[in-house]
C-alpha atoms as a PDB file:
ATOM      1  CA  MET A   1     105.919 121.424 144.844  1.00  0.00           C
ATOM      2  CA  PHE A   2     108.434 123.476 146.749  1.00  0.00           C
ATOM      3  CA  ARG A   3     111.424 121.974 148.492  1.00  0.00           C
ATOM      4  CA  LEU A   4     110.682 121.035 152.078  1.00  0.00           C
ATOM      5  CA  LEU A   5     112.601 123.231 154.440  1.00  0.00           C
ATOM      6  CA  ILE A   6     115.074 121.680 156.830  1.00  0.00           C
ATOM      7  CA  PHE A   7     115.243 123.824 159.993  1.00  0.00           C
ATOM      8  CA  SER A   8     118.699 124.185 161.408  1.00  0.00           C
ATOM      9  CA  SER A   9     118.763 127.600 163.015  1.00  0.00           C
ATOM     10  CA  ILE A  10     115.873 127.769 165.513  1.00  0.00           C
ATOM     11  CA  ILE A  11     117.038 129.842 168.454  1.00  0.00           C
ATOM     12  CA  PHE A  12     117.033 128.152 171.845  1.00  0.00           C
ATOM     13  CA  LEU A  13     115.943 130.244 174.807  1.00  0.00           C
ATOM     14  CA  PHE A  14     117.695 129.017 177.908  1.00  0.00           C
ATOM     15  CA  SER A  15     117.080 129.901 181.496  1.00  0.00           C
ATOM     16  CA  CYS A  16     119.534 132.520 182.676  1.00  0.00           C
ATOM     17  CA  SER A  17     118.385 132.584 186.289  1.00  0.00           C
ATOM     18  CA  GLU A  18     120.903 129.971 187.439  1.00  0.00           C
ATOM     19  CA  ARG A  19     124.345 130.809 188.737  1.00  0.00           C
ATOM     20  CA  ASN A  20     127.130 130.948 186.148  1.00  0.00           C
ATOM     21  CA  ILE A  21     129.968 128.449 186.071  1.00  0.00           C
ATOM     22  CA  SER A  22     133.056 130.227 187.384  1.00  0.00           C
ATOM     23  CA  SER A  23     136.419 129.923 185.689  1.00  0.00           C
ATOM     24  CA  ASN A  24     137.716 127.407 188.242  1.00  0.00           C
ATOM     25  CA  GLU A  25     134.714 125.098 187.947  1.00  0.00           C
ATOM     26  CA  PRO A  26     134.373 122.191 185.443  1.00  0.00           C
ATOM     27  CA  SER A  27     133.859 123.244 181.847  1.00  0.00           C
ATOM     28  CA  SER A  28     134.530 120.272 179.562  1.00  0.00           C
ATOM     29  CA  ILE A  29     131.787 117.689 179.090  1.00  0.00           C
ATOM     30  CA  ALA A  30     133.947 115.089 180.813  1.00  0.00           C
ATOM     31  CA  ASP A  31     134.582 117.352 183.806  1.00  0.00           C
ATOM     32  CA  LEU A  32     130.931 118.343 183.987  1.00  0.00           C
ATOM     33  CA  SER A  33     129.871 114.687 183.911  1.00  0.00           C
ATOM     34  CA  LYS A  34     132.297 113.883 186.713  1.00  0.00           C
ATOM     35  CA  ALA A  35     130.975 116.759 188.809  1.00  0.00           C
ATOM     36  CA  LEU A  36     127.374 115.695 188.174  1.00  0.00           C
ATOM     37  CA  LEU A  37     128.099 112.241 189.573  1.00  0.00           C
ATOM     38  CA  GLU A  38     128.628 113.993 192.895  1.00  0.00           C
ATOM     39  CA  GLN A  39     125.909 116.618 192.449  1.00  0.00           C
ATOM     40  CA  PRO A  40     123.289 115.107 190.086  1.00  0.00           C
ATOM     41  CA  ASN A  41     120.729 117.853 190.759  1.00  0.00           C
ATOM     42  CA  ASP A  42     123.027 120.833 190.348  1.00  0.00           C
ATOM     43  CA  THR A  43     121.053 122.864 187.826  1.00  0.00           C
ATOM     44  CA  ALA A  44     123.986 125.080 186.823  1.00  0.00           C
ATOM     45  CA  LEU A  45     126.070 122.024 185.958  1.00  0.00           C
ATOM     46  CA  LEU A  46     123.183 120.453 184.059  1.00  0.00           C
ATOM     47  CA  ILE A  47     122.578 123.634 182.070  1.00  0.00           C
ATOM     48  CA  GLU A  48     126.260 123.962 181.237  1.00  0.00           C
ATOM     49  CA  ARG A  49     126.548 120.359 180.061  1.00  0.00           C
ATOM     50  CA  ARG A  50     123.309 120.637 178.092  1.00  0.00           C
ATOM     51  CA  ASN A  51     124.662 123.711 176.329  1.00  0.00           C
ATOM     52  CA  ARG A  52     127.897 121.893 175.523  1.00  0.00           C
ATOM     53  CA  PHE A  53     125.942 118.993 174.039  1.00  0.00           C
ATOM     54  CA  ILE A  54     123.926 121.427 171.912  1.00  0.00           C
ATOM     55  CA  GLU A  55     127.086 123.163 170.701  1.00  0.00           C
ATOM     56  CA  SER A  56     128.519 119.812 169.620  1.00  0.00           C
ATOM     57  CA  GLY A  57     125.254 118.760 167.921  1.00  0.00           C
ATOM     58  CA  GLU A  58     124.502 115.989 170.427  1.00  0.00           C
ATOM     59  CA  LEU A  59     120.854 116.906 170.920  1.00  0.00           C
ATOM     60  CA  GLU A  60     119.783 113.471 172.161  1.00  0.00           C
ATOM     61  CA  LYS A  61     122.181 113.849 175.067  1.00  0.00           C
ATOM     62  CA  ALA A  62     121.090 117.447 175.610  1.00  0.00           C
ATOM     63  CA  ILE A  63     117.504 116.233 175.955  1.00  0.00           C
ATOM     64  CA  ILE A  64     118.468 113.928 178.817  1.00  0.00           C
ATOM     65  CA  ASP A  65     119.907 116.852 180.777  1.00  0.00           C
ATOM     66  CA  GLN A  66     116.895 119.011 179.933  1.00  0.00           C
ATOM     67  CA  GLN A  67     114.539 116.257 181.110  1.00  0.00           C
ATOM     68  CA  GLN A  68     116.441 116.184 184.391  1.00  0.00           C
ATOM     69  CA  LEU A  69     116.158 119.954 184.738  1.00  0.00           C
ATOM     70  CA  PHE A  70     112.430 119.800 184.069  1.00  0.00           C
ATOM     71  CA  ALA A  71     111.984 116.977 186.604  1.00  0.00           C
ATOM     72  CA  ILE A  72     113.749 119.088 189.241  1.00  0.00           C
ATOM     73  CA  ASP A  73     111.313 121.986 188.739  1.00  0.00           C
ATOM     74  CA  THR A  74     108.243 121.361 186.588  1.00  0.00           C
ATOM     75  CA  SER A  75     106.922 124.830 187.382  1.00  0.00           C
ATOM     76  CA  ASN A  76     109.848 126.505 185.629  1.00  0.00           C
ATOM     77  CA  LEU A  77     108.510 127.725 182.280  1.00  0.00           C
ATOM     78  CA  ASN A  78     112.004 128.052 180.809  1.00  0.00           C
ATOM     79  CA  TYR A  79     112.729 124.406 181.580  1.00  0.00           C
ATOM     80  CA  ARG A  80     109.411 123.347 180.052  1.00  0.00           C
ATOM     81  CA  TYR A  81     109.954 125.453 176.949  1.00  0.00           C
ATOM     82  CA  ASP A  82     113.566 124.353 176.459  1.00  0.00           C
ATOM     83  CA  LEU A  83     112.540 120.692 176.599  1.00  0.00           C
ATOM     84  CA  ALA A  84     109.661 121.226 174.161  1.00  0.00           C
ATOM     85  CA  ASP A  85     111.970 123.156 171.823  1.00  0.00           C
ATOM     86  CA  LEU A  86     114.626 120.425 171.879  1.00  0.00           C
ATOM     87  CA  TYR A  87     111.944 117.874 171.007  1.00  0.00           C
ATOM     88  CA  PHE A  88     110.909 120.116 168.098  1.00  0.00           C
ATOM     89  CA  GLU A  89     114.498 120.348 166.882  1.00  0.00           C
ATOM     90  CA  LEU A  90     114.790 116.563 166.773  1.00  0.00           C
ATOM     91  CA  TYR A  91     111.468 115.711 165.139  1.00  0.00           C
ATOM     92  CA  PRO A  92     112.967 115.222 161.640  1.00  0.00           C
ATOM     93  CA  SER A  93     114.893 112.232 162.986  1.00  0.00           C
ATOM     94  CA  ASN A  94     111.958 110.853 164.984  1.00  0.00           C
ATOM     95  CA  PRO A  95     108.366 112.072 164.424  1.00  0.00           C
ATOM     96  CA  ILE A  96     107.346 110.980 167.939  1.00  0.00           C
ATOM     97  CA  TYR A  97     109.075 114.083 169.251  1.00  0.00           C
ATOM     98  CA  ILE A  98     106.285 116.222 167.820  1.00  0.00           C
ATOM     99  CA  SER A  99     103.723 114.713 170.183  1.00  0.00           C
ATOM    100  CA  LYS A 100     106.205 114.883 173.064  1.00  0.00           C
ATOM    101  CA  SER A 101     106.741 118.571 172.397  1.00  0.00           C
ATOM    102  CA  LEU A 102     103.052 119.346 172.014  1.00  0.00           C
ATOM    103  CA  ALA A 103     102.255 117.482 175.250  1.00  0.00           C
ATOM    104  CA  LEU A 104     104.328 120.035 177.155  1.00  0.00           C
ATOM    105  CA  ILE A 105     102.296 122.956 175.788  1.00  0.00           C
ATOM    106  CA  SER A 106      98.743 123.751 176.765  1.00  0.00           C
ATOM    107  CA  ASP A 107      96.730 126.935 177.044  1.00  0.00           C
ATOM    108  CA  ASN A 108      97.939 127.231 180.638  1.00  0.00           C
ATOM    109  CA  TYR A 109     101.504 127.692 179.440  1.00  0.00           C
ATOM    110  CA  THR A 110     101.008 129.895 176.399  1.00  0.00           C
ATOM    111  CA  ILE A 111     101.123 132.902 178.707  1.00  0.00           C
ATOM    112  CA  PHE A 112     104.862 132.406 178.124  1.00  0.00           C
ATOM    113  CA  PRO A 113     105.053 133.926 174.602  1.00  0.00           C
ATOM    114  CA  PRO A 114     107.846 131.683 173.189  1.00  0.00           C
ATOM    115  CA  MET A 115     105.646 128.700 174.059  1.00  0.00           C
ATOM    116  CA  LEU A 116     102.828 130.096 171.926  1.00  0.00           C
ATOM    117  CA  LEU A 117     105.100 130.534 168.915  1.00  0.00           C
ATOM    118  CA  LEU A 118     106.552 127.055 169.388  1.00  0.00           C
ATOM    119  CA  ARG A 119     103.040 125.594 169.420  1.00  0.00           C
ATOM    120  CA  ALA A 120     102.345 127.401 166.146  1.00  0.00           C
ATOM    121  CA  LYS A 121     105.401 125.698 164.627  1.00  0.00           C
ATOM    122  CA  LEU A 122     104.229 122.316 165.883  1.00  0.00           C
ATOM    123  CA  TYR A 123     100.766 122.803 164.421  1.00  0.00           C
ATOM    124  CA  TYR A 124     102.378 123.791 161.113  1.00  0.00           C
ATOM    125  CA  VAL A 125     104.346 120.519 161.050  1.00  0.00           C
ATOM    126  CA  LEU A 126     101.109 118.654 161.833  1.00  0.00           C
ATOM    127  CA  GLN A 127      99.462 120.536 158.915  1.00  0.00           C
ATOM    128  CA  ASN A 128      96.916 122.112 161.237  1.00  0.00           C
ATOM    129  CA  TYR A 129      97.316 125.409 159.426  1.00  0.00           C
ATOM    130  CA  SER A 130      94.296 127.191 160.875  1.00  0.00           C
ATOM    131  CA  GLN A 131      95.424 126.569 164.446  1.00  0.00           C
ATOM    132  CA  SER A 132      99.016 127.473 163.603  1.00  0.00           C
ATOM    133  CA  LEU A 133      97.911 130.789 162.099  1.00  0.00           C
ATOM    134  CA  LYS A 134      95.630 131.449 165.076  1.00  0.00           C
ATOM    135  CA  ASP A 135      98.577 131.067 167.485  1.00  0.00           C
ATOM    136  CA  ILE A 136     100.852 133.240 165.335  1.00  0.00           C
ATOM    137  CA  ASN A 137      98.212 135.962 165.031  1.00  0.00           C
ATOM    138  CA  THR A 138      97.795 135.900 168.815  1.00  0.00           C
ATOM    139  CA  TYR A 139     101.547 136.190 169.269  1.00  0.00           C
ATOM    140  CA  LEU A 140     102.375 138.903 166.714  1.00  0.00           C
ATOM    141  CA  PRO A 141     100.565 141.928 168.240  1.00  0.00           C
ATOM    142  CA  SER A 142     102.915 141.706 171.224  1.00  0.00           C
ATOM    143  CA  TYR A 143     105.989 140.887 169.104  1.00  0.00           C
ATOM    144  CA  PRO A 144     105.422 142.671 165.775  1.00  0.00           C
ATOM    145  CA  PHE A 145     109.102 142.534 164.748  1.00  0.00           C
ATOM    146  CA  ASP A 146     109.633 138.785 165.161  1.00  0.00           C
ATOM    147  CA  ALA A 147     110.901 137.527 161.780  1.00  0.00           C
ATOM    148  CA  VAL A 148     110.433 133.861 162.728  1.00  0.00           C
ATOM    149  CA  ALA A 149     106.718 134.378 163.304  1.00  0.00           C
ATOM    150  CA  TYR A 150     106.264 135.957 159.863  1.00  0.00           C
ATOM    151  CA  PHE A 151     108.333 133.173 158.303  1.00  0.00           C
ATOM    152  CA  PHE A 152     106.110 130.433 159.733  1.00  0.00           C
ATOM    153  CA  LYS A 153     103.040 132.417 158.816  1.00  0.00           C
ATOM    154  CA  GLY A 154     104.372 132.399 155.256  1.00  0.00           C
ATOM    155  CA  LEU A 155     104.951 128.645 155.378  1.00  0.00           C
ATOM    156  CA  ASN A 156     101.360 128.109 156.432  1.00  0.00           C
ATOM    157  CA  TYR A 157      99.996 130.192 153.567  1.00  0.00           C
ATOM    158  CA  LYS A 158     102.370 128.568 151.087  1.00  0.00           C
ATOM    159  CA  ASP A 159     101.214 125.065 152.042  1.00  0.00           C
ATOM    160  CA  MET A 160      97.602 126.247 151.868  1.00  0.00           C
ATOM    161  CA  GLY A 161      98.255 127.347 148.277  1.00  0.00           C
ATOM    162  CA  ASP A 162      97.979 131.094 148.863  1.00  0.00           C
ATOM    163  CA  LEU A 163     101.279 132.188 147.309  1.00  0.00           C
ATOM    164  CA  GLU A 164     100.460 135.889 147.380  1.00  0.00           C
ATOM    165  CA  MET A 165      99.970 135.894 151.142  1.00  0.00           C
ATOM    166  CA  ALA A 166     102.980 133.624 151.594  1.00  0.00           C
ATOM    167  CA  GLN A 167     105.142 135.975 149.562  1.00  0.00           C
ATOM    168  CA  SER A 168     103.994 138.920 151.652  1.00  0.00           C
ATOM    169  CA  GLN A 169     104.879 137.173 154.921  1.00  0.00           C
ATOM    170  CA  PHE A 170     108.311 136.036 153.732  1.00  0.00           C
ATOM    171  CA  GLN A 171     109.004 139.578 152.535  1.00  0.00           C
ATOM    172  CA  THR A 172     108.065 140.929 155.954  1.00  0.00           C
ATOM    173  CA  ALA A 173     110.361 138.361 157.574  1.00  0.00           C
ATOM    174  CA  VAL A 174     113.405 139.588 155.620  1.00  0.00           C
ATOM    175  CA  GLU A 175     112.457 143.183 156.376  1.00  0.00           C
ATOM    176  CA  GLN A 176     112.641 142.331 160.072  1.00  0.00           C
ATOM    177  CA  ASP A 177     115.798 140.242 159.647  1.00  0.00           C
ATOM    178  CA  PRO A 178     117.843 141.059 156.505  1.00  0.00           C
ATOM    179  CA  ASN A 179     119.935 137.906 157.054  1.00  0.00           C
ATOM    180  CA  TYR A 180     117.011 135.473 157.133  1.00  0.00           C
ATOM    181  CA  VAL A 181     118.318 132.910 154.629  1.00  0.00           C
ATOM    182  CA  GLU A 182     115.280 130.635 154.674  1.00  0.00           C
ATOM    183  CA  SER A 183     112.925 133.501 153.882  1.00  0.00           C
ATOM    184  CA  TYR A 184     115.058 134.583 150.929  1.00  0.00           C
ATOM    185  CA  GLU A 185     114.980 131.003 149.682  1.00  0.00           C
ATOM    186  CA  GLN A 186     111.221 130.751 150.003  1.00  0.00           C
ATOM    187  CA  LEU A 187     110.788 134.022 148.111  1.00  0.00           C
ATOM    188  CA  ALA A 188     113.142 132.701 145.435  1.00  0.00           C
ATOM    189  CA  PHE A 189     111.142 129.472 145.095  1.00  0.00           C
ATOM    190  CA  ILE A 190     107.884 131.403 144.759  1.00  0.00           C
ATOM    191  CA  TYR A 191     109.275 133.742 142.093  1.00  0.00           C
ATOM    192  CA  SER A 192     110.839 130.789 140.301  1.00  0.00           C
ATOM    193  CA  PHE A 193     107.502 128.972 140.337  1.00  0.00           C
ATOM    194  CA  LYS A 194     105.908 132.069 138.801  1.00  0.00           C
ATOM    195  CA  GLY A 195     108.601 132.231 136.131  1.00  0.00           C
ATOM    196  CA  ASP A 196     109.767 135.613 137.453  1.00  0.00           C
ATOM    197  CA  SER A 197     113.471 136.418 137.043  1.00  0.00           C
ATOM    198  CA  LEU A 198     113.452 138.041 140.508  1.00  0.00           C
ATOM    199  CA  ALA A 199     114.044 134.516 141.768  1.00  0.00           C
ATOM    200  CA  LYS A 200     117.744 134.868 140.967  1.00  0.00           C
ATOM    201  CA  TYR A 201     117.916 138.061 143.046  1.00  0.00           C
ATOM    202  CA  TYR A 202     116.534 136.274 146.104  1.00  0.00           C
ATOM    203  CA  PHE A 203     118.735 133.205 145.637  1.00  0.00           C
ATOM    204  CA  LYS A 204     121.713 135.588 145.562  1.00  0.00           C
ATOM    205  CA  ASN A 205     120.453 137.388 148.672  1.00  0.00           C
ATOM    206  CA  ALA A 206     120.321 134.070 150.530  1.00  0.00           C
ATOM    207  CA  LEU A 207     123.932 133.480 149.540  1.00  0.00           C
ATOM    208  CA  ILE A 208     124.957 136.993 150.597  1.00  0.00           C
ATOM    209  CA  ALA A 209     123.270 136.474 153.958  1.00  0.00           C
ATOM    210  CA  ASP A 210     125.345 133.345 154.647  1.00  0.00           C
ATOM    211  CA  SER A 211     127.896 132.175 152.091  1.00  0.00           C
ATOM    212  CA  SER A 212     128.872 129.218 154.280  1.00  0.00           C
ATOM    213  CA  LEU A 213     125.635 127.354 153.533  1.00  0.00           C
ATOM    214  CA  LEU A 214     126.130 124.832 150.739  1.00  0.00           C
ATOM    215  CA  SER A 215     122.363 124.732 150.215  1.00  0.00           C
ATOM    216  CA  SER A 216     122.375 128.392 149.151  1.00  0.00           C
ATOM    217  CA  TRP A 217     125.128 127.793 146.594  1.00  0.00           C
ATOM    218  CA  TYR A 218     123.265 124.711 145.333  1.00  0.00           C
ATOM    219  CA  ASN A 219     119.913 126.480 145.041  1.00  0.00           C
ATOM    220  CA  LEU A 220     121.439 129.319 142.997  1.00  0.00           C
ATOM    221  CA  GLY A 221     123.316 126.809 140.852  1.00  0.00           C
ATOM    222  CA  MET A 222     120.211 124.759 140.140  1.00  0.00           C
ATOM    223  CA  TYR A 223     118.208 127.850 139.297  1.00  0.00           C
ATOM    224  CA  CYS A 224     120.845 129.024 136.807  1.00  0.00           C
ATOM    225  CA  GLN A 225     121.183 125.498 135.410  1.00  0.00           C
ATOM    226  CA  ASN A 226     117.440 125.206 134.834  1.00  0.00           C
ATOM    227  CA  GLN A 227     117.514 128.601 133.098  1.00  0.00           C
ATOM    228  CA  GLY A 228     120.277 127.381 130.778  1.00  0.00           C
ATOM    229  CA  ASP A 229     122.777 129.761 132.370  1.00  0.00           C
ATOM    230  CA  PHE A 230     125.534 127.173 132.642  1.00  0.00           C
ATOM    231  CA  TYR A 231     128.314 129.682 133.270  1.00  0.00           C
ATOM    232  CA  ASN A 232     126.793 130.995 136.499  1.00  0.00           C
ATOM    233  CA  ALA A 233     125.584 127.516 137.464  1.00  0.00           C
ATOM    234  CA  LYS A 234     129.168 126.273 137.273  1.00  0.00           C
ATOM    235  CA  GLN A 235     130.360 129.223 139.346  1.00  0.00           C
ATOM    236  CA  SER A 236     127.937 128.217 142.085  1.00  0.00           C
ATOM    237  CA  TYR A 237     128.964 124.566 142.004  1.00  0.00           C
ATOM    238  CA  TYR A 238     132.649 125.481 142.112  1.00  0.00           C
ATOM    239  CA  GLY A 239     131.775 127.675 145.091  1.00  0.00           C
ATOM    240  CA  MET A 240     130.433 124.534 146.767  1.00  0.00           C
ATOM    241  CA  LEU A 241     133.560 122.576 145.945  1.00  0.00           C
ATOM    242  CA  ARG A 242     135.779 125.261 147.454  1.00  0.00           C
ATOM    243  CA  ARG A 243     133.958 124.579 150.716  1.00  0.00           C
ATOM    244  CA  ASP A 244     133.475 120.837 150.284  1.00  0.00           C
ATOM    245  CA  SER A 245     135.614 119.237 147.565  1.00  0.00           C
ATOM    246  CA  LEU A 246     133.837 115.888 148.004  1.00  0.00           C
ATOM    247  CA  ASN A 247     130.333 117.272 147.546  1.00  0.00           C
ATOM    248  CA  LYS A 248     128.374 114.748 145.498  1.00  0.00           C
ATOM    249  CA  ASP A 249     125.727 117.127 144.159  1.00  0.00           C
ATOM    250  CA  ALA A 250     128.213 119.732 142.916  1.00  0.00           C
ATOM    251  CA  ASN A 251     130.406 117.142 141.212  1.00  0.00           C
ATOM    252  CA  TYR A 252     127.422 115.396 139.637  1.00  0.00           C
ATOM    253  CA  ASN A 253     125.912 118.615 138.300  1.00  0.00           C
ATOM    254  CA  LEU A 254     129.238 119.762 136.917  1.00  0.00           C
ATOM    255  CA  GLY A 255     129.401 116.414 135.152  1.00  0.00           C
ATOM    256  CA  TYR A 256     125.902 116.936 133.777  1.00  0.00           C
ATOM    257  CA  ILE A 257     126.746 120.412 132.456  1.00  0.00           C
ATOM    258  CA  SER A 258     129.960 119.099 130.893  1.00  0.00           C
ATOM    259  CA  LEU A 259     127.910 116.369 129.198  1.00  0.00           C
ATOM    260  CA  VAL A 260     125.391 118.871 127.819  1.00  0.00           C
ATOM    261  CA  GLU A 261     128.179 121.146 126.614  1.00  0.00           C
ATOM    262  CA  GLY A 262     129.893 118.251 124.835  1.00  0.00           C
ATOM    263  CA  ASN A 263     132.943 118.182 127.109  1.00  0.00           C
ATOM    264  CA  TYR A 264     132.811 114.413 127.503  1.00  0.00           C
ATOM    265  CA  GLU A 265     136.211 113.838 129.096  1.00  0.00           C
ATOM    266  CA  SER A 266     135.417 116.372 131.792  1.00  0.00           C
ATOM    267  CA  ALA A 267     131.994 114.767 132.319  1.00  0.00           C
ATOM    268  CA  ILE A 268     133.621 111.350 132.701  1.00  0.00           C
ATOM    269  CA  GLN A 269     136.003 112.729 135.314  1.00  0.00           C
ATOM    270  CA  PHE A 270     133.242 114.321 137.378  1.00  0.00           C
ATOM    271  CA  PHE A 271     130.975 111.259 137.226  1.00  0.00           C
ATOM    272  CA  SER A 272     133.915 108.964 138.026  1.00  0.00           C
ATOM    273  CA  PHE A 273     134.650 111.009 141.119  1.00  0.00           C
ATOM    274  CA  VAL A 274     131.011 110.746 142.243  1.00  0.00           C
ATOM    275  CA  ILE A 275     131.088 106.983 141.669  1.00  0.00           C
ATOM    276  CA  SER A 276     134.294 106.667 143.688  1.00  0.00           C
ATOM    277  CA  GLN A 277     132.424 108.221 146.611  1.00  0.00           C
ATOM    278  CA  ASN A 278     129.270 106.146 146.136  1.00  0.00           C
ATOM    279  CA  ARG A 279     129.424 102.879 144.214  1.00  0.00           C
ATOM    280  CA  ALA A 280     125.636 102.473 144.536  1.00  0.00           C
ATOM    281  CA  TYR A 281     124.751 105.654 142.627  1.00  0.00           C
ATOM    282  CA  ALA A 282     122.935 104.267 139.577  1.00  0.00           C
ATOM    283  CA  SER A 283     122.363 107.645 137.927  1.00  0.00           C
ATOM    284  CA  ALA A 284     126.083 108.426 138.038  1.00  0.00           C
ATOM    285  CA  PHE A 285     126.886 105.177 136.219  1.00  0.00           C
ATOM    286  CA  PHE A 286     124.178 105.909 133.651  1.00  0.00           C
ATOM    287  CA  SER A 287     125.393 109.478 133.080  1.00  0.00           C
ATOM    288  CA  ARG A 288     128.992 108.360 132.748  1.00  0.00           C
ATOM    289  CA  GLY A 289     127.788 105.729 130.312  1.00  0.00           C
ATOM    290  CA  LEU A 290     126.274 108.472 128.165  1.00  0.00           C
ATOM    291  CA  ALA A 291     129.540 110.403 128.263  1.00  0.00           C
ATOM    292  CA  TYR A 292     131.455 107.285 127.178  1.00  0.00           C
ATOM    293  CA  LYS A 293     128.928 106.651 124.397  1.00  0.00           C
ATOM    294  CA  PHE A 294     129.151 110.194 123.033  1.00  0.00           C
ATOM    295  CA  ALA A 295     132.940 110.003 123.286  1.00  0.00           C
ATOM    296  CA  GLY A 296     132.829 106.876 121.081  1.00  0.00           C
ATOM    297  CA  ASN A 297     133.756 104.334 123.773  1.00  0.00           C
ATOM    298  CA  ASN A 298     130.844 101.897 123.499  1.00  0.00           C
ATOM    299  CA  ASP A 299     132.481  99.126 125.539  1.00  0.00           C
ATOM    300  CA  PHE A 300     132.859 101.333 128.590  1.00  0.00           C
ATOM    301  CA  ALA A 301     129.387 102.763 127.995  1.00  0.00           C
ATOM    302  CA  ARG A 302     127.884  99.265 127.959  1.00  0.00           C
ATOM    303  CA  LYS A 303     129.542  98.389 131.282  1.00  0.00           C
ATOM    304  CA  ASP A 304     128.169 101.521 132.915  1.00  0.00           C
ATOM    305  CA  PHE A 305     124.635 101.004 131.594  1.00  0.00           C
ATOM    306  CA  GLU A 306     124.752  97.407 132.827  1.00  0.00           C
ATOM    307  CA  MET A 307     125.937  98.555 136.244  1.00  0.00           C
ATOM    308  CA  ALA A 308     123.144 101.133 136.390  1.00  0.00           C
ATOM    309  CA  LEU A 309     120.637  98.350 135.716  1.00  0.00           C
ATOM    310  CA  GLU A 310     122.248  96.077 138.259  1.00  0.00           C
ATOM    311  CA  LEU A 311     121.843  98.767 140.883  1.00  0.00           C
ATOM    312  CA  SER A 312     118.380  99.821 139.701  1.00  0.00           C
ATOM    313  CA  PRO A 313     116.652  97.061 137.657  1.00  0.00           C
ATOM    314  CA  GLU A 314     113.770  99.374 136.653  1.00  0.00           C
ATOM    315  CA  PHE A 315     116.093 102.015 135.156  1.00  0.00           C
ATOM    316  CA  LYS A 316     114.239 102.353 131.828  1.00  0.00           C
ATOM    317  CA  GLU A 317     116.690 104.789 130.228  1.00  0.00           C
ATOM    318  CA  ALA A 318     119.581 102.416 130.897  1.00  0.00           C
ATOM    319  CA  LYS A 319     117.622  99.565 129.305  1.00  0.00           C
ATOM    320  CA  ASP A 320     116.930 101.685 126.238  1.00  0.00           C
ATOM    321  CA  GLU A 321     120.576 102.716 125.871  1.00  0.00           C
ATOM    322  CA  LEU A 322     121.722  99.104 126.064  1.00  0.00           C
ATOM    323  CA  GLN A 323     119.144  98.061 123.505  1.00  0.00           C
ATOM    324  CA  TYR A 324     120.310 100.615 120.919  1.00  0.00           C
ATOM    325  CA  LEU A 325     124.016 100.552 121.698  1.00  0.00           C
ATOM    326  CA  PRO A 326     125.991  99.200 118.684  1.00  0.00           C
END
């Protein structure tokens, strides 16, 4: 199974037909809210505040403003699309948003091309792959250079089990957009699944495209770790820590590599740091217990194995370690 993709970079298309906010008009969310109390149907103010909410990641609040915009003019295709797209963005936190988004799209509105592509994405999420591909294939002749369309076409084929077609679509996506991180990652996963060393090349390309994404550093690190290339795996995890020193996954994996390499004191330090951030992490207690055991400290090892079992009573490996611990 491939890792499920978390979408965080879908482009919003906003109506640009409204007047712009001039420099002497309200710009902060607080000022915009105050102005809207006096002019609740001012579309320029609503659009500006919605955009501010989106910039700050407050999509639930952005939806309220977009709903108001849509209520003001239900014939405006931009308003309809923007509301449907916001619902799509939020579906991972609440699946009901999928049906809300789809309800705004019918054949009458797919004359607006972005709406057709959005419906294809919705059908993909609903695992209606044939309908999703039908919409994408209708969309692409008019927009043959749209990387997002090829990417979702690849996702459909991947989930249908046709990795050759999926690979072809993801490759086309990065040809259209050389910075398409998600497509590089999908290509890397496919090559990794095939046991092809080209996977590393695509994981690196994802990182080159956007080195700020911790997921890209992690994916490259895990690939190198699974290949036994601990040196480059550690370089990736340290790259994560330079951007987020508290990152649980990087610290845990560095502890694991230290354990495998026989550097038990280092492993103990990494696992202890992870535990300090999350006292309910059973695997971290178990792994630190192993490091203590191999370092010859059976008393500390026993305490950690017991804690792992307390947190996860069905932790078989912890039970076995306790049973055979001197």
